[in-house]
Amino acid sequence: MLVLALDTATPASTAALVEVTADGLFGVAESRTVDPRAHGEKLAPEVCV
């Protein structure tokens, strides 16, 4: 199963894709940007990467 995690609680916005298997969690991709006033504008391109 793939899980998309989004975090916008701080000035940085983060998008991460993790694969969950019986053996554990494996990071597939991660993108992080810092712009405290543009989470919406920055988050969409991070998800499309």
N, C-alpha and C. Protein backbone atom coordinates (compact mmCIF):
# COMPACT_ATOMS: atom_id res chain seq x y z
N MET A 1 0.85 -1.16 0.00
CA MET A 1 0.00 0.00 0.00
C MET A 1 0.90 1.23 0.00
N LEU A 2 0.52 2.22 -0.75
CA LEU A 2 1.24 3.49 -0.77
C LEU A 2 0.48 4.51 0.07
N VAL A 3 1.23 5.31 0.84
CA VAL A 3 0.63 6.34 1.69
C VAL A 3 1.26 7.67 1.32
N LEU A 4 0.42 8.67 1.06
CA LEU A 4 0.87 10.03 0.79
C LEU A 4 0.70 10.83 2.06
N ALA A 5 1.80 11.36 2.58
CA ALA A 5 1.76 12.16 3.81
C ALA A 5 2.04 13.61 3.46
N LEU A 6 1.22 14.51 3.99
CA LEU A 6 1.37 15.95 3.77
C LEU A 6 1.49 16.65 5.12
N ASP A 7 2.41 17.60 5.22
CA ASP A 7 2.58 18.35 6.46
C ASP A 7 2.72 19.82 6.13
N THR A 8 1.82 20.64 6.68
CA THR A 8 1.87 22.09 6.48
C THR A 8 1.78 22.82 7.81
N ALA A 9 2.16 22.17 8.89
CA ALA A 9 2.00 22.74 10.24
C ALA A 9 3.07 23.78 10.57
N THR A 10 4.14 23.83 9.81
CA THR A 10 5.22 24.78 10.06
C THR A 10 5.43 25.62 8.80
N PRO A 11 6.37 26.55 8.79
CA PRO A 11 6.63 27.31 7.55
C PRO A 11 7.06 26.42 6.38
N ALA A 12 7.55 25.23 6.67
CA ALA A 12 7.91 24.30 5.60
C ALA A 12 6.69 23.44 5.25
N SER A 13 6.55 23.12 3.98
CA SER A 13 5.52 22.17 3.57
C SER A 13 6.23 20.94 3.02
N THR A 14 5.74 19.78 3.41
CA THR A 14 6.39 18.53 3.04
C THR A 14 5.37 17.58 2.44
N ALA A 15 5.77 16.89 1.39
CA ALA A 15 4.98 15.82 0.81
C ALA A 15 5.89 14.60 0.73
N ALA A 16 5.40 13.47 1.23
CA ALA A 16 6.20 12.24 1.21
C ALA A 16 5.33 11.08 0.77
N LEU A 17 5.93 10.17 0.03
CA LEU A 17 5.26 8.96 -0.41
C LEU A 17 5.98 7.78 0.23
N VAL A 18 5.23 6.94 0.95
CA VAL A 18 5.80 5.82 1.68
C VAL A 18 5.09 4.55 1.25
N GLU A 19 5.86 3.48 1.06
CA GLU A 19 5.28 2.16 0.77
C GLU A 19 5.23 1.38 2.08
N VAL A 20 4.05 0.88 2.41
CA VAL A 20 3.85 0.08 3.62
C VAL A 20 3.77 -1.39 3.20
N THR A 21 4.68 -2.20 3.74
CA THR A 21 4.69 -3.63 3.44
C THR A 21 4.71 -4.40 4.75
N ALA A 22 4.65 -5.70 4.67
CA ALA A 22 4.72 -6.54 5.86
C ALA A 22 6.07 -6.40 6.56
N ASP A 23 7.11 -5.98 5.81
CA ASP A 23 8.45 -5.82 6.37
C ASP A 23 8.68 -4.45 6.99
N GLY A 24 7.75 -3.51 6.79
CA GLY A 24 7.90 -2.19 7.37
C GLY A 24 7.58 -1.08 6.38
N LEU A 25 8.11 0.11 6.67
CA LEU A 25 7.88 1.30 5.85
C LEU A 25 9.12 1.59 5.02
N PHE A 26 8.90 1.97 3.77
CA PHE A 26 10.00 2.30 2.88
C PHE A 26 9.69 3.62 2.18
N GLY A 27 10.56 4.60 2.35
CA GLY A 27 10.37 5.90 1.72
C GLY A 27 10.56 5.80 0.22
N VAL A 28 9.59 6.28 -0.53
CA VAL A 28 9.65 6.25 -1.99
C VAL A 28 10.11 7.61 -2.52
N ALA A 29 9.51 8.69 -2.00
CA ALA A 29 9.86 10.04 -2.46
C ALA A 29 9.52 11.04 -1.37
N GLU A 30 10.25 12.16 -1.38
CA GLU A 30 9.98 13.24 -0.42
C GLU A 30 10.36 14.56 -1.07
N SER A 31 9.55 15.58 -0.79
CA SER A 31 9.83 16.91 -1.29
C SER A 31 9.49 17.90 -0.18
N ARG A 32 10.36 18.90 -0.01
CA ARG A 32 10.18 19.87 1.07
C ARG A 32 10.50 21.25 0.55
N THR A 33 9.65 22.22 0.86
CA THR A 33 9.92 23.62 0.53
C THR A 33 9.59 24.47 1.75
N VAL A 34 10.23 25.63 1.83
CA VAL A 34 9.98 26.54 2.95
C VAL A 34 9.47 27.86 2.38
N ASP A 35 8.23 28.17 2.69
CA ASP A 35 7.61 29.44 2.33
C ASP A 35 6.36 29.57 3.19
N PRO A 36 6.43 30.30 4.28
CA PRO A 36 5.33 30.32 5.25
C PRO A 36 4.02 30.90 4.73
N ARG A 37 4.02 31.55 3.58
CA ARG A 37 2.80 32.18 3.09
C ARG A 37 2.26 31.57 1.80
N ALA A 38 2.81 30.45 1.38
CA ALA A 38 2.39 29.90 0.09
C ALA A 38 2.28 28.38 0.12
N HIS A 39 1.71 27.83 1.18
CA HIS A 39 1.61 26.38 1.27
C HIS A 39 0.81 25.79 0.10
N GLY A 40 -0.30 26.37 -0.21
CA GLY A 40 -1.14 25.85 -1.29
C GLY A 40 -0.44 25.88 -2.64
N GLU A 41 0.24 26.98 -2.93
CA GLU A 41 0.93 27.11 -4.20
C GLU A 41 2.13 26.17 -4.30
N LYS A 42 2.78 25.89 -3.19
CA LYS A 42 3.97 25.05 -3.19
C LYS A 42 3.63 23.56 -3.08
N LEU A 43 2.53 23.24 -2.42
CA LEU A 43 2.22 21.83 -2.15
C LEU A 43 1.78 21.06 -3.40
N ALA A 44 0.99 21.67 -4.26
CA ALA A 44 0.50 20.97 -5.45
C ALA A 44 1.63 20.45 -6.33
N PRO A 45 2.65 21.24 -6.67
CA PRO A 45 3.75 20.71 -7.47
C PRO A 45 4.53 19.60 -6.74
N GLU A 46 4.61 19.67 -5.42
CA GLU A 46 5.31 18.63 -4.67
C GLU A 46 4.59 17.30 -4.81
N VAL A 47 3.28 17.31 -4.82
CA VAL A 47 2.50 16.09 -4.94
C VAL A 47 2.61 15.51 -6.35
N CYS A 48 2.77 16.36 -7.35
CA CYS A 48 2.82 15.90 -8.73
C CYS A 48 4.20 15.42 -9.16
N VAL A 49 5.19 15.51 -8.29
CA VAL A 49 6.56 15.10 -8.65
C VAL A 49 6.63 13.62 -8.86
